[in-house]
């Protein structure tokens, strides 16, 4: 009986760990372009937390000019995120996952500012 209980506990723990896997291990948020708005001139970029909840969304022709993201020169990538009065440094990460079928493009972590 003890063995069955132990194995059941291990199975449940493994299952929960699978569902709790971070989209960007060691980071606070992940950013991805989720498509275009109904107007094809505008794109939609979403900021996700580790549970794939959308915590911010930018709809713009150029997401680098709205004050939410810092961007690099061409080829453009997000290098910073400004959210709720905090600044986050962003970069690509080989361990990033996906949310709602969209691959995370960059992962962002608080840089202490």
Protein backbone atom coordinates (compact mmCIF):
# COMPACT_ATOMS: atom_id res chain seq x y z
CA UNK A 1 0.00 0.00 0.00
CA UNK A 2 2.82 2.39 0.87
CA UNK A 3 4.46 1.73 -2.50
CA UNK A 4 1.23 2.58 -4.37
CA UNK A 5 0.83 5.82 -2.41
CA UNK A 6 4.44 6.74 -3.01
CA UNK A 7 4.21 6.06 -6.76
CA UNK A 8 0.95 8.01 -6.99
CA UNK A 9 2.57 10.97 -5.25
CA UNK A 10 5.51 10.85 -7.68
CA UNK A 11 3.16 10.68 -10.68
CA UNK A 12 1.10 13.67 -9.51
CA UNK A 13 4.22 15.70 -8.72
CA UNK A 14 5.67 14.98 -12.15
CA UNK A 15 2.40 15.90 -13.84
CA UNK A 16 2.14 19.20 -11.94
CA UNK A 17 5.77 20.03 -12.71
CA UNK A 18 5.06 19.51 -16.40
CA UNK A 19 2.16 21.97 -16.33
CA UNK A 20 4.13 24.49 -14.26
CA UNK A 21 7.07 24.60 -16.68
CA UNK A 22 8.18 28.17 -17.29
CA UNK A 23 7.93 29.68 -20.75
CA UNK A 24 11.22 31.46 -20.03
CA UNK A 25 13.07 29.73 -17.18
CA UNK A 26 14.71 32.34 -14.95
CA UNK A 27 12.81 35.25 -16.50
CA UNK A 28 9.67 37.18 -15.54
CA UNK A 29 8.00 37.53 -18.96
CA UNK A 30 8.06 36.40 -22.57
CA UNK A 31 7.11 38.45 -25.65
CA UNK A 32 5.79 37.27 -28.99
CA UNK A 33 4.04 38.66 -32.03
CA UNK A 34 0.68 36.93 -32.08
CA UNK A 35 -0.46 38.17 -35.47
CA UNK A 36 -2.08 41.17 -37.01
CA UNK A 37 -5.09 43.16 -36.00
CA UNK A 38 -8.12 43.38 -38.29
CA UNK A 39 -6.17 46.19 -39.97
CA UNK A 40 -3.23 44.55 -41.80
CA UNK A 41 -1.07 47.64 -41.17
CA UNK A 42 -1.03 46.86 -37.44
CA UNK A 43 0.65 44.01 -35.61
CA UNK A 44 -0.22 42.53 -32.23
CA UNK A 45 2.51 41.80 -29.68
CA UNK A 46 1.70 40.16 -26.37
CA UNK A 47 3.62 39.96 -23.11
CA UNK A 48 3.04 36.70 -21.22
CA UNK A 49 3.83 35.67 -17.66
CA UNK A 50 5.09 32.15 -16.90
CA UNK A 51 1.52 30.83 -16.84
CA UNK A 52 0.84 32.14 -20.36
CA UNK A 53 -1.45 34.87 -19.06
CA UNK A 54 -1.39 37.99 -21.23
CA UNK A 55 -0.17 40.82 -18.98
CA UNK A 56 0.18 43.46 -21.71
CA UNK A 57 -0.65 43.81 -25.38
CA UNK A 58 0.58 46.30 -27.96
CA UNK A 59 -1.29 46.92 -31.20
CA UNK A 60 0.75 49.18 -33.46
CA UNK A 61 2.43 49.60 -36.81
CA UNK A 62 5.75 49.93 -34.98
CA UNK A 63 5.85 48.46 -31.46
CA UNK A 64 9.19 50.19 -30.81
CA UNK A 65 7.60 53.65 -30.74
CA UNK A 66 4.81 53.21 -28.17
CA UNK A 67 6.94 53.29 -25.00
CA UNK A 68 6.44 49.68 -23.89
CA UNK A 69 9.44 48.10 -25.62
CA UNK A 70 13.07 49.09 -26.22
CA UNK A 71 14.36 47.85 -29.55
CA UNK A 72 17.71 47.19 -31.17
CA UNK A 73 18.79 48.56 -34.55
CA UNK A 74 18.07 46.33 -37.57
CA UNK A 75 17.51 43.45 -37.45
CA UNK A 76 15.02 44.68 -34.86
CA UNK A 77 14.53 42.71 -31.67
CA UNK A 78 13.10 43.70 -28.30
CA UNK A 79 15.83 44.57 -25.79
CA UNK A 80 13.70 46.02 -23.00
CA UNK A 81 10.20 45.97 -21.52
CA UNK A 82 8.58 48.69 -19.39
CA UNK A 83 5.69 47.31 -17.36
CA UNK A 84 3.99 48.61 -14.20
CA UNK A 85 6.76 51.12 -13.54
CA UNK A 86 9.54 48.51 -13.75
CA UNK A 87 12.16 47.94 -16.42
CA UNK A 88 13.04 44.50 -17.73
CA UNK A 89 16.02 43.51 -19.88
CA UNK A 90 15.02 41.24 -22.79
CA UNK A 91 16.94 38.78 -24.93
CA UNK A 92 16.40 35.57 -26.83
CA UNK A 93 16.84 32.35 -24.89
CA UNK A 94 17.25 28.83 -26.25
CA UNK A 95 15.06 27.51 -23.43
CA UNK A 96 12.05 29.70 -24.24
CA UNK A 97 8.79 27.94 -24.93
CA UNK A 98 5.50 29.02 -26.41
CA UNK A 99 2.11 30.33 -25.33
CA UNK A 100 -1.15 29.62 -27.09
CA UNK A 101 0.73 28.21 -30.08
CA UNK A 102 3.04 31.24 -30.46
CA UNK A 103 6.78 30.82 -29.95
CA UNK A 104 8.27 33.24 -27.44
CA UNK A 105 10.64 35.58 -29.28
CA UNK A 106 12.42 37.13 -26.28
CA UNK A 107 12.46 36.58 -22.53
CA UNK A 108 12.57 39.50 -20.09
CA UNK A 109 13.85 39.72 -16.54
CA UNK A 110 13.88 42.58 -14.06
CA UNK A 111 17.18 44.39 -14.15
CA UNK A 112 16.65 46.00 -10.74
CA UNK A 113 15.42 49.36 -12.07
